[in-house]
Amino acid sequence: VVKDLGLHLPAISDRGVRLVSEGRTQYFALHGKTGHLVTAERIDREQLCRLVEKCVLRCELIVEGEM
């Protein structure tokens, strides 16, 4: 994520970069040392999308300040 946005690692905390997911559980996070998008919680497809063929988890990446 950091590479795709053209940021440097210190900018993750300096610019307030954060991920926001729908609902209470945050399934994804940014790895602080690499800037990679990682899973933060176990994702159980059967529990989340029982009878749905296409299971989608949405999240937003928020970056404060100008890009």
Protein backbone atom coordinates (compact mmCIF):
# COMPACT_ATOMS: atom_id res chain seq x y z
CA VAL A 1 0.00 0.00 0.00
CA VAL A 2 2.77 2.42 0.92
CA LYS A 3 4.58 1.69 -2.35
CA ASP A 4 1.38 2.05 -4.41
CA LEU A 5 0.70 5.46 -2.84
CA GLY A 6 4.29 6.62 -3.32
CA LEU A 7 4.81 7.15 0.41
CA HIS A 8 7.74 6.26 2.64
CA LEU A 9 7.28 4.11 5.75
CA PRO A 10 7.49 6.96 8.29
CA ALA A 11 4.59 8.60 6.43
CA ILE A 12 2.21 5.87 7.64
CA SER A 13 2.08 7.38 11.11
CA ASP A 14 2.95 10.97 10.11
CA ARG A 15 0.04 11.20 7.66
CA GLY A 16 -2.47 9.27 9.75
CA VAL A 17 -2.82 6.39 7.30
CA ARG A 18 -5.43 3.93 8.55
CA LEU A 19 -7.84 1.26 7.35
CA VAL A 20 -11.53 1.30 8.18
CA SER A 21 -13.81 -1.72 7.68
CA GLU A 22 -17.57 -2.04 7.77
CA GLY A 23 -18.84 -3.30 11.11
CA ARG A 24 -16.97 -3.72 14.36
CA THR A 25 -14.28 -6.20 13.32
CA GLN A 26 -11.21 -4.86 11.57
CA TYR A 27 -10.14 -7.71 9.28
CA PHE A 28 -7.24 -5.85 7.67
CA ALA A 29 -4.32 -3.75 8.89
CA LEU A 30 -1.20 -2.06 7.58
CA HIS A 31 2.03 -3.70 8.68
CA GLY A 32 4.00 -0.90 10.33
CA LYS A 33 7.46 -2.02 9.19
CA THR A 34 6.66 -2.96 5.58
CA GLY A 35 3.54 -0.99 4.63
CA HIS A 36 1.90 -4.20 3.40
CA LEU A 37 -1.83 -4.85 3.69
CA VAL A 38 -2.25 -7.85 6.04
CA THR A 39 -5.10 -9.71 7.69
CA ALA A 40 -5.62 -8.58 11.28
CA GLU A 41 -8.24 -11.18 12.22
CA ARG A 42 -9.14 -14.68 11.19
CA ILE A 43 -11.57 -14.51 8.25
CA ASP A 44 -14.21 -17.25 8.34
CA ARG A 45 -16.08 -17.19 5.02
CA GLU A 46 -18.81 -19.55 6.24
CA GLN A 47 -19.57 -17.31 9.19
CA LEU A 48 -19.50 -14.04 7.20
CA CYS A 49 -21.22 -15.09 3.97
CA ARG A 50 -23.23 -18.21 4.76
CA LEU A 51 -25.57 -18.34 1.78
CA VAL A 52 -23.93 -15.77 -0.48
CA GLU A 53 -22.00 -17.04 -3.49
CA LYS A 54 -19.79 -13.96 -3.81
CA CYS A 55 -18.24 -12.94 -0.49
CA VAL A 56 -16.81 -9.40 -0.39
CA LEU A 57 -15.14 -7.63 2.53
CA ARG A 58 -14.86 -3.90 2.00
CA CYS A 59 -12.44 -1.55 3.67
CA GLU A 60 -11.33 2.02 3.10
CA LEU A 61 -7.83 3.40 3.27
CA ILE A 62 -7.78 6.90 4.76
CA VAL A 63 -4.75 9.16 4.33
CA GLU A 64 -4.79 12.55 6.01
CA GLY A 65 -3.30 15.56 4.25
CA GLU A 66 -2.66 16.22 0.60
CA MET A 67 -1.44 13.56 -1.80
